[in-house]
Protein backbone atom coordinates (compact mmCIF):
# COMPACT_ATOMS: atom_id res chain seq x y z
CA MET A 1 -1.97 0.29 -14.34
CA GLN A 2 -2.26 3.00 -17.00
CA GLU A 3 0.52 1.46 -19.09
CA VAL A 4 -1.19 -1.94 -18.95
CA LEU A 5 -4.56 -0.50 -19.99
CA ALA A 6 -2.97 1.46 -22.83
CA ALA A 7 -1.03 -1.58 -24.04
CA LEU A 8 -3.97 -3.96 -24.00
CA SER A 9 -6.53 -1.45 -25.33
CA VAL A 10 -9.49 -3.57 -24.25
CA ALA A 11 -12.61 -3.30 -26.44
CA PRO A 12 -16.11 -3.71 -24.88
CA GLY A 13 -16.72 -7.05 -26.59
CA ASP A 14 -13.34 -8.64 -25.88
CA THR A 15 -12.66 -11.87 -24.04
CA VAL A 16 -10.04 -11.02 -21.41
CA VAL A 17 -7.95 -13.15 -19.03
CA ASP A 18 -6.51 -11.74 -15.81
CA ALA A 19 -4.26 -14.66 -14.96
CA THR A 20 -3.14 -13.27 -11.59
CA LEU A 21 -5.97 -11.59 -9.67
CA GLY A 22 -3.94 -10.60 -6.60
CA GLY A 23 -5.52 -7.51 -5.08
CA ALA A 24 -8.04 -7.36 -7.96
CA GLY A 25 -6.91 -3.86 -8.95
CA HIS A 26 -6.16 -4.77 -12.56
CA PHE A 27 -9.26 -6.95 -12.64
CA ALA A 28 -11.52 -4.04 -11.67
CA GLU A 29 -10.09 -1.81 -14.41
CA LEU A 30 -10.26 -4.51 -17.08
CA LEU A 31 -13.83 -5.25 -16.00
CA ALA A 32 -14.77 -1.57 -16.35
CA ALA A 33 -13.45 -1.52 -19.93
CA LEU A 34 -15.74 -4.39 -20.98
CA GLY A 35 -19.41 -4.26 -21.93
CA GLU A 36 -22.28 -6.74 -21.95
CA ASP A 37 -20.83 -8.61 -24.94
CA GLY A 38 -17.49 -9.04 -23.16
CA THR A 39 -16.17 -11.85 -21.01
CA ILE A 40 -13.51 -11.74 -18.31
CA ILE A 41 -11.78 -14.75 -16.78
CA GLY A 42 -9.97 -14.17 -13.50
CA ILE A 43 -7.53 -16.76 -12.15
CA ASP A 44 -5.53 -17.03 -8.94
CA ALA A 45 -4.08 -19.85 -6.87
CA ASP A 46 -4.96 -17.89 -3.72
CA PRO A 47 -8.66 -18.29 -2.81
CA ALA A 48 -8.57 -14.92 -1.00
CA ALA A 49 -7.62 -13.22 -4.28
CA VAL A 50 -10.60 -14.84 -6.01
CA ALA A 51 -12.84 -13.57 -3.21
CA ARG A 52 -11.52 -10.02 -3.73
CA ALA A 53 -12.29 -10.24 -7.45
CA ARG A 54 -15.75 -11.58 -6.68
CA ALA A 55 -16.36 -8.54 -4.45
CA ALA A 56 -15.11 -6.20 -7.20
CA TYR A 57 -17.50 -7.80 -9.67
CA ALA A 58 -20.40 -7.42 -7.23
CA ARG A 59 -19.64 -3.70 -6.94
CA ASP A 60 -20.08 -3.28 -10.70
CA ARG A 61 -23.81 -2.55 -10.88
CA ARG A 62 -23.93 -1.76 -14.60
CA PRO A 63 -26.79 -3.52 -16.39
CA GLU A 64 -24.37 -4.06 -19.28
CA ARG A 65 -21.55 -5.55 -17.26
CA PRO A 66 -19.73 -8.51 -18.87
CA VAL A 67 -19.84 -12.16 -17.94
CA ALA A 68 -17.18 -13.03 -15.36
CA HIS A 69 -15.64 -16.41 -14.58
CA LEU A 70 -13.54 -16.43 -11.40
CA VAL A 71 -11.37 -19.50 -10.95
CA ASN A 72 -9.27 -20.65 -7.98
CA ASP A 73 -6.44 -22.35 -9.86
CA ASN A 74 -2.88 -21.85 -11.07
CA PHE A 75 -2.47 -20.06 -14.40
CA ARG A 76 -0.27 -22.95 -15.55
CA ASN A 77 -3.60 -24.75 -16.08
CA LEU A 78 -4.95 -22.02 -18.38
CA THR A 79 -5.64 -24.40 -21.27
CA ARG A 80 -7.71 -26.71 -19.08
CA ILE A 81 -9.54 -23.76 -17.47
CA LEU A 82 -10.57 -22.32 -20.83
CA GLU A 83 -11.65 -25.73 -22.11
CA ARG A 84 -13.79 -26.26 -19.03
CA LEU A 85 -15.45 -22.87 -19.56
CA GLY A 86 -16.04 -23.55 -23.24
CA ILE A 87 -13.90 -20.58 -24.28
CA GLY A 88 -11.80 -20.88 -27.42
CA GLN A 89 -9.67 -17.86 -28.19
CA VAL A 90 -8.88 -14.87 -25.97
CA ASN A 91 -8.34 -11.28 -27.15
CA LYS A 92 -6.39 -9.82 -24.22
CA MET A 93 -4.37 -11.38 -21.39
CA LEU A 94 -2.50 -10.06 -18.38
CA PHE A 95 0.05 -11.88 -16.23
CA ASP A 96 1.17 -9.79 -13.24
CA LEU A 97 3.89 -11.91 -11.67
CA GLY A 98 4.31 -9.81 -8.54
CA TRP A 99 2.78 -10.86 -5.24
CA SER A 100 0.27 -8.50 -3.70
CA GLY A 101 0.41 -6.60 -0.43
CA TYR A 102 -2.39 -8.86 0.78
CA GLN A 103 -0.08 -11.86 0.53
CA ILE A 104 2.67 -10.03 2.40
CA ALA A 105 0.17 -9.28 5.16
CA THR A 106 -0.93 -12.89 5.54
CA PRO A 107 1.08 -14.91 8.08
CA ARG A 108 2.40 -17.42 5.55
CA GLY A 109 6.10 -16.67 5.75
CA PHE A 110 6.51 -14.50 2.63
CA SER A 111 8.05 -11.70 4.65
CA PHE A 112 10.87 -11.75 7.17
CA GLN A 113 9.59 -8.61 8.88
CA ASN A 114 7.55 -10.68 11.35
CA ASP A 115 8.00 -14.13 12.86
CA GLU A 116 5.62 -16.36 10.91
CA PRO A 117 5.19 -20.04 9.97
CA LEU A 118 7.55 -20.89 7.11
CA LEU A 119 4.93 -21.78 4.47
CA MET A 120 5.35 -19.45 1.44
CA THR A 121 2.55 -21.22 -0.46
CA TYR A 122 -0.21 -19.31 -2.27
CA GLY A 123 -2.90 -21.92 -1.70
CA GLU A 124 -3.52 -24.70 0.77
CA GLY A 125 -1.54 -27.94 0.73
CA GLY A 126 1.54 -28.83 -1.22
CA GLU A 127 5.22 -28.57 -0.36
CA THR A 128 6.08 -25.66 1.93
CA ALA A 129 9.29 -23.68 2.33
CA ALA A 130 9.77 -25.43 5.68
CA ASP A 131 9.63 -28.81 3.91
CA ILE A 132 12.35 -27.69 1.49
CA VAL A 133 14.54 -26.18 4.20
CA ASN A 134 14.34 -29.19 6.50
CA MET A 135 14.36 -32.06 4.00
CA SER A 136 16.64 -30.98 1.13
CA SER A 137 20.30 -31.91 1.04
CA GLU A 138 22.88 -29.18 1.52
CA ALA A 139 23.79 -29.35 -2.18
CA ASP A 140 20.16 -29.07 -3.27
CA LEU A 141 19.58 -26.14 -0.93
CA ALA A 142 22.62 -24.36 -2.34
CA ASP A 143 21.38 -24.96 -5.89
CA ILE A 144 17.90 -23.59 -5.06
CA ILE A 145 19.23 -20.49 -3.34
CA PHE A 146 21.76 -19.79 -6.10
CA THR A 147 19.50 -20.56 -9.07
CA TYR A 148 16.30 -18.88 -7.90
CA GLY A 149 17.80 -16.22 -5.65
CA GLU A 150 21.04 -15.50 -7.51
CA GLU A 151 22.60 -15.43 -4.05
CA HIS A 152 26.40 -15.14 -3.99
CA PHE A 153 26.62 -16.81 -0.55
CA ALA A 154 24.30 -19.69 -1.46
CA ARG A 155 26.68 -22.47 -0.37
CA ALA A 156 27.52 -20.83 2.95
CA ILE A 157 23.83 -20.17 3.66
CA ALA A 158 22.92 -23.78 2.82
CA ARG A 159 25.66 -24.98 5.15
CA ALA A 160 24.36 -22.75 7.95
CA ILE A 161 20.79 -23.97 7.41
CA VAL A 162 21.87 -27.60 7.67
CA ALA A 163 23.81 -26.82 10.86
CA ALA A 164 20.84 -25.00 12.38
CA ARG A 165 18.28 -27.68 11.55
CA ALA A 166 20.54 -30.33 13.11
CA LYS A 167 19.78 -28.68 16.44
CA GLU A 168 16.11 -27.90 15.81
CA ARG A 169 13.78 -27.96 12.80
CA ILE A 170 13.48 -24.60 11.05
CA LEU A 171 9.75 -23.86 11.06
CA THR A 172 9.53 -20.06 11.26
CA THR A 173 10.81 -17.07 9.34
CA ASP A 174 12.86 -15.88 12.31
CA ALA A 175 14.65 -19.22 12.53
CA LEU A 176 15.48 -19.07 8.82
CA VAL A 177 16.72 -15.48 9.07
CA ARG A 178 19.04 -16.47 11.93
CA ALA A 179 20.49 -19.26 9.79
CA VAL A 180 21.02 -16.86 6.85
CA LEU A 181 22.76 -14.35 9.12
CA ALA A 182 24.98 -17.13 10.48
CA GLY A 183 25.98 -18.07 6.94
CA THR A 184 26.86 -14.60 5.66
CA PRO A 185 29.60 -12.11 6.61
CA ARG A 186 28.86 -9.09 8.78
CA SER A 187 29.54 -6.71 5.89
CA TYR A 188 26.62 -8.36 4.04
CA HIS A 189 24.31 -7.46 6.94
CA GLU A 190 25.03 -3.75 6.60
CA ARG A 191 23.71 -3.36 3.06
CA LYS A 192 20.41 -1.67 2.22
CA ILE A 193 18.90 -4.99 1.09
CA HIS A 194 18.19 -7.44 3.90
CA PRO A 195 20.64 -10.40 3.71
CA ALA A 196 17.75 -12.90 3.71
CA THR A 197 15.93 -11.31 0.75
CA LYS A 198 17.36 -13.54 -1.97
CA THR A 199 17.03 -16.72 0.09
CA PHE A 200 13.38 -15.99 0.79
CA GLN A 201 12.78 -15.28 -2.89
CA ALA A 202 14.43 -18.55 -3.89
CA LEU A 203 12.40 -20.64 -1.44
CA ARG A 204 9.13 -18.97 -2.47
CA ILE A 205 9.87 -19.72 -6.13
CA ALA A 206 10.79 -23.32 -5.35
CA ALA A 207 7.81 -23.97 -3.06
CA ASN A 208 5.35 -22.80 -5.72
CA ASP A 209 7.27 -24.07 -8.76
CA GLU A 210 6.93 -20.55 -10.13
CA ILE A 211 9.36 -21.02 -13.02
CA GLY A 212 7.63 -24.16 -14.27
CA ALA A 213 4.24 -22.50 -13.87
CA LEU A 214 5.40 -19.42 -15.77
CA ARG A 215 6.71 -21.44 -18.72
CA GLU A 216 3.52 -23.50 -18.92
CA GLY A 217 1.29 -20.46 -18.46
CA LEU A 218 2.99 -18.47 -21.21
CA ALA A 219 2.81 -21.41 -23.61
CA ALA A 220 -0.89 -21.85 -22.85
CA ALA A 221 -1.42 -18.12 -23.40
CA PHE A 222 0.10 -18.29 -26.89
CA SER A 223 -2.12 -21.26 -27.71
CA ALA A 224 -5.25 -19.35 -26.68
CA LEU A 225 -4.39 -15.88 -28.01
CA ALA A 226 -6.60 -14.85 -30.95
CA PRO A 227 -5.08 -13.28 -34.08
CA GLY A 228 -4.54 -9.61 -33.28
CA GLY A 229 -4.76 -10.39 -29.57
CA LYS A 230 -2.38 -8.97 -26.98
CA LEU A 231 -0.50 -10.48 -24.05
CA ALA A 232 0.94 -8.24 -21.31
CA VAL A 233 3.34 -9.61 -18.69
CA ILE A 234 4.67 -7.74 -15.66
CA SER A 235 7.76 -9.28 -14.07
CA PHE A 236 9.64 -8.22 -10.95
CA HIS A 237 12.96 -10.05 -10.85
CA SER A 238 15.61 -10.93 -13.39
CA ILE A 239 14.94 -14.68 -13.45
CA GLU A 240 11.30 -14.46 -14.50
CA ASP A 241 11.92 -11.43 -16.72
CA ARG A 242 14.59 -13.35 -18.61
CA ILE A 243 12.11 -16.18 -19.25
CA VAL A 244 9.42 -13.73 -20.41
CA LYS A 245 11.84 -11.83 -22.63
CA ASN A 246 13.23 -14.96 -24.28
CA THR A 247 9.82 -16.60 -24.72
CA LEU A 248 8.30 -13.52 -26.39
CA ARG A 249 11.39 -13.15 -28.57
CA ASP A 250 11.24 -16.79 -29.65
CA ALA A 251 7.54 -16.47 -30.48
CA ALA A 252 8.22 -13.36 -32.56
CA GLU A 253 11.08 -15.05 -34.42
CA ALA A 254 8.77 -17.99 -35.12
CA GLY A 255 6.41 -15.59 -36.90
CA TRP A 256 3.76 -15.79 -34.19
CA GLY A 257 3.56 -12.01 -33.72
CA THR A 258 5.55 -9.01 -32.53
CA VAL A 259 6.96 -7.64 -29.29
CA HIS A 260 5.93 -4.02 -28.98
CA PRO A 261 7.53 -1.93 -27.68
CA LYS A 262 10.88 -3.66 -28.16
CA LYS A 263 12.13 -2.66 -24.71
CA PRO A 264 10.17 -3.22 -21.49
CA VAL A 265 8.05 -0.44 -20.02
CA THR A 266 9.28 0.55 -16.56
CA PRO A 267 7.60 2.68 -13.86
CA SER A 268 7.58 6.44 -14.23
CA ARG A 269 9.14 8.63 -11.57
CA ALA A 270 5.65 9.65 -10.41
CA GLU A 271 4.66 6.03 -9.91
CA LEU A 272 7.85 5.25 -8.03
CA LEU A 273 7.19 8.13 -5.66
CA ALA A 274 3.66 6.84 -5.06
CA ASN A 275 4.51 3.12 -4.94
CA ARG A 276 8.06 1.97 -4.20
CA ARG A 277 7.05 -1.66 -4.67
CA ALA A 278 6.85 -0.96 -8.42
CA ARG A 279 10.55 -0.07 -8.66
CA SER A 280 11.66 -3.36 -10.23
CA ALA A 281 8.60 -3.92 -12.44
CA LYS A 282 9.01 -4.52 -16.16
CA LEU A 283 6.06 -4.67 -18.54
CA ARG A 284 6.48 -6.57 -21.81
CA VAL A 285 3.75 -6.76 -24.45
CA PHE A 286 3.26 -9.25 -27.28
CA GLU A 287 0.76 -8.85 -30.13
CA ARG A 288 -0.34 -11.95 -32.00
CA GLY A 289 -0.08 -11.62 -35.75
CA THR A 290 -3.03 -12.17 -38.07
CA ALA A 291 -1.04 -14.42 -40.42
CA SER A 292 -0.02 -18.01 -39.76
CA PRO A 293 3.56 -18.59 -38.55
CA ARG A 294 6.13 -19.27 -41.24
CA PRO A 295 6.46 -23.00 -42.06
CA GLU A 296 10.24 -22.90 -41.56
CA SER A 297 9.65 -21.70 -38.00
CA ALA A 298 7.33 -24.57 -37.09
CA SER A 299 9.95 -26.38 -35.00
CA THR A 300 10.63 -23.27 -32.88
CA LEU A 301 6.93 -22.73 -32.37
CA THR A 302 6.30 -26.37 -31.51
CA SER A 303 9.09 -26.22 -28.92
CA LEU A 304 7.60 -23.07 -27.42
CA LEU A 305 4.12 -24.52 -27.16
CA SER A 306 5.24 -27.94 -25.91
CA TYR A 307 4.80 -26.68 -22.33
CA ALA A 308 1.04 -26.20 -22.75
């Protein structure tokens, strides 16, 4: 939190986007930094997250509080959201790519700690993890688990899932965990990390098209960022962090701005002691330059923004 606030350095009159409301913790702090001339746009695909932000805004009784727009949508649609609100450029943006404790607590299949319906979706409707598990081919399942989970036993796990669903559809987290255990060696079960962790991660990413959404959201953010504006992104696993790192680097090389600091900010020891969930977090910050990108870099920039 403190590192994000220091990096963004929100001024009272800024226009700020919190692209991932989650528990509304960042939203509340960004809101407090703004004054009556400021504007804050909060976005989340989970309607419960929008409700939490709405409650946080209601608790701010300042007569000079900023205007707030709270939107139940995916941040991949940032360009359309800003157009609909009549907002041109944005001074500060935050993308916190982690999922909140509230989502873990909801019975939607994000966690394997309890037996829950195998949904893994942030909002209502759309393809669920159960749809992917029961309808994908063995090869496609292996690709998903390996690509999005970086799981060494992806093929064996996919084979075990197909064998399990031949007997009965896999509709709960417990049923999926049993299939993962059947497809991995006993030595893998004795590690500190649960053997189903990477498979669950992969299915969550696939069900929500998180990689596609991230690419589109970042591109839209660059399009909307005002000269001198700042974009902060917190990632939690190597796949998304690699995309963030490479995208910010490409934008900097195209003359769009600078990455500062050069290396990601990671949690302090004090924060880790207080919040173990932060252990894998990496904060990267990009500052938009005040000059136009170099003409020779136009092709790189066009490629970057083609997702928006």
